[in-house]
Amino acid sequence: MSEKTEITFMQTRLIRLASEEWHLPVEQIIRRDFSKPVKKDW
């Protein structure tokens, strides 16, 4: 596996993990504006 392929695989995995953890669709994770805090309803 090339380094570029490996990085793409890791990025995809991180997006999927974030989606599961934050209970948000992958599309919303990808378009996330990280300058704003994530709202949690705790």
N, C-alpha and C. Protein backbone atom coordinates (compact mmCIF):
# COMPACT_ATOMS: atom_id res chain seq x y z
N MET A 1 0.85 -1.17 0.00
CA MET A 1 0.00 0.00 0.00
C MET A 1 0.91 1.24 0.00
N SER A 2 0.63 2.18 -0.90
CA SER A 2 1.45 3.38 -0.97
C SER A 2 1.13 4.31 0.21
N GLU A 3 2.03 5.22 0.47
CA GLU A 3 1.85 6.16 1.59
C GLU A 3 0.60 7.01 1.38
N LYS A 4 0.37 7.45 0.15
CA LYS A 4 -0.81 8.27 -0.16
C LYS A 4 -2.11 7.49 0.11
N THR A 5 -2.14 6.24 -0.30
CA THR A 5 -3.30 5.38 -0.06
C THR A 5 -3.51 5.15 1.43
N GLU A 6 -2.43 4.96 2.14
CA GLU A 6 -2.50 4.74 3.59
C GLU A 6 -3.07 5.98 4.31
N ILE A 7 -2.65 7.17 3.90
CA ILE A 7 -3.15 8.41 4.51
C ILE A 7 -4.63 8.57 4.21
N THR A 8 -5.04 8.30 2.98
CA THR A 8 -6.45 8.39 2.61
C THR A 8 -7.29 7.43 3.45
N PHE A 9 -6.79 6.21 3.64
CA PHE A 9 -7.48 5.21 4.46
C PHE A 9 -7.65 5.70 5.89
N MET A 10 -6.58 6.27 6.46
CA MET A 10 -6.64 6.76 7.84
C MET A 10 -7.61 7.94 7.98
N GLN A 11 -7.61 8.84 6.99
CA GLN A 11 -8.53 9.98 7.03
C GLN A 11 -9.98 9.51 6.98
N THR A 12 -10.24 8.53 6.12
CA THR A 12 -11.59 7.98 6.00
C THR A 12 -12.02 7.34 7.31
N ARG A 13 -11.12 6.60 7.93
CA ARG A 13 -11.43 5.95 9.21
C ARG A 13 -11.72 6.98 10.30
N LEU A 14 -10.94 8.05 10.36
CA LEU A 14 -11.17 9.11 11.35
C LEU A 14 -12.53 9.77 11.15
N ILE A 15 -12.91 10.01 9.90
CA ILE A 15 -14.22 10.62 9.62
C ILE A 15 -15.34 9.69 10.08
N ARG A 16 -15.21 8.41 9.81
CA ARG A 16 -16.23 7.45 10.23
C ARG A 16 -16.32 7.35 11.76
N LEU A 17 -15.18 7.35 12.42
CA LEU A 17 -15.17 7.30 13.89
C LEU A 17 -15.81 8.56 14.48
N ALA A 18 -15.50 9.72 13.92
CA ALA A 18 -16.10 10.97 14.39
C ALA A 18 -17.61 10.93 14.19
N SER A 19 -18.05 10.42 13.06
CA SER A 19 -19.48 10.31 12.78
C SER A 19 -20.19 9.45 13.83
N GLU A 20 -19.58 8.34 14.19
CA GLU A 20 -20.16 7.46 15.21
C GLU A 20 -20.15 8.13 16.59
N GLU A 21 -19.04 8.75 16.95
CA GLU A 21 -18.90 9.37 18.27
C GLU A 21 -19.84 10.54 18.46
N TRP A 22 -19.97 11.37 17.42
CA TRP A 22 -20.79 12.59 17.51
C TRP A 22 -22.23 12.37 17.08
N HIS A 23 -22.55 11.15 16.62
CA HIS A 23 -23.90 10.83 16.15
C HIS A 23 -24.36 11.80 15.06
N LEU A 24 -23.46 12.03 14.11
CA LEU A 24 -23.74 12.92 12.98
C LEU A 24 -23.46 12.17 11.68
N PRO A 25 -24.16 12.54 10.61
CA PRO A 25 -23.86 11.90 9.32
C PRO A 25 -22.47 12.29 8.83
N VAL A 26 -21.86 11.42 8.06
CA VAL A 26 -20.52 11.66 7.53
C VAL A 26 -20.48 12.97 6.75
N GLU A 27 -21.53 13.26 6.00
CA GLU A 27 -21.58 14.48 5.20
C GLU A 27 -21.43 15.72 6.08
N GLN A 28 -22.02 15.69 7.25
CA GLN A 28 -21.93 16.83 8.15
C GLN A 28 -20.53 16.95 8.77
N ILE A 29 -19.88 15.83 9.00
CA ILE A 29 -18.51 15.84 9.52
C ILE A 29 -17.57 16.47 8.48
N ILE A 30 -17.75 16.10 7.23
CA ILE A 30 -16.88 16.61 6.17
C ILE A 30 -17.04 18.12 6.00
N ARG A 31 -18.26 18.61 6.14
CA ARG A 31 -18.52 20.04 5.96
C ARG A 31 -18.38 20.83 7.25
N ARG A 32 -17.92 20.23 8.30
CA ARG A 32 -17.83 20.86 9.63
C ARG A 32 -16.93 22.08 9.61
N ASP A 33 -17.41 23.16 10.21
CA ASP A 33 -16.61 24.38 10.38
C ASP A 33 -15.97 24.29 11.76
N PHE A 34 -14.68 23.99 11.82
CA PHE A 34 -14.00 23.75 13.09
C PHE A 34 -13.71 25.02 13.86
N SER A 35 -14.07 26.18 13.32
CA SER A 35 -13.89 27.41 14.06
C SER A 35 -15.00 27.61 15.10
N LYS A 36 -16.07 26.78 14.98
CA LYS A 36 -17.20 26.85 15.92
C LYS A 36 -17.18 25.60 16.81
N PRO A 37 -17.52 25.75 18.08
CA PRO A 37 -17.52 24.58 18.96
C PRO A 37 -18.65 23.60 18.63
N VAL A 38 -18.44 22.34 18.95
CA VAL A 38 -19.47 21.31 18.76
C VAL A 38 -20.44 21.44 19.92
N LYS A 39 -21.73 21.54 19.61
CA LYS A 39 -22.74 21.65 20.67
C LYS A 39 -23.09 20.27 21.18
N LYS A 40 -23.04 20.12 22.48
CA LYS A 40 -23.41 18.85 23.12
C LYS A 40 -24.62 19.11 24.02
N ASP A 41 -25.57 18.22 23.96
CA ASP A 41 -26.77 18.34 24.80
C ASP A 41 -26.62 17.42 26.01
N TRP A 42 -25.77 17.82 26.96
CA TRP A 42 -25.54 16.99 28.14
C TRP A 42 -26.35 17.50 29.27
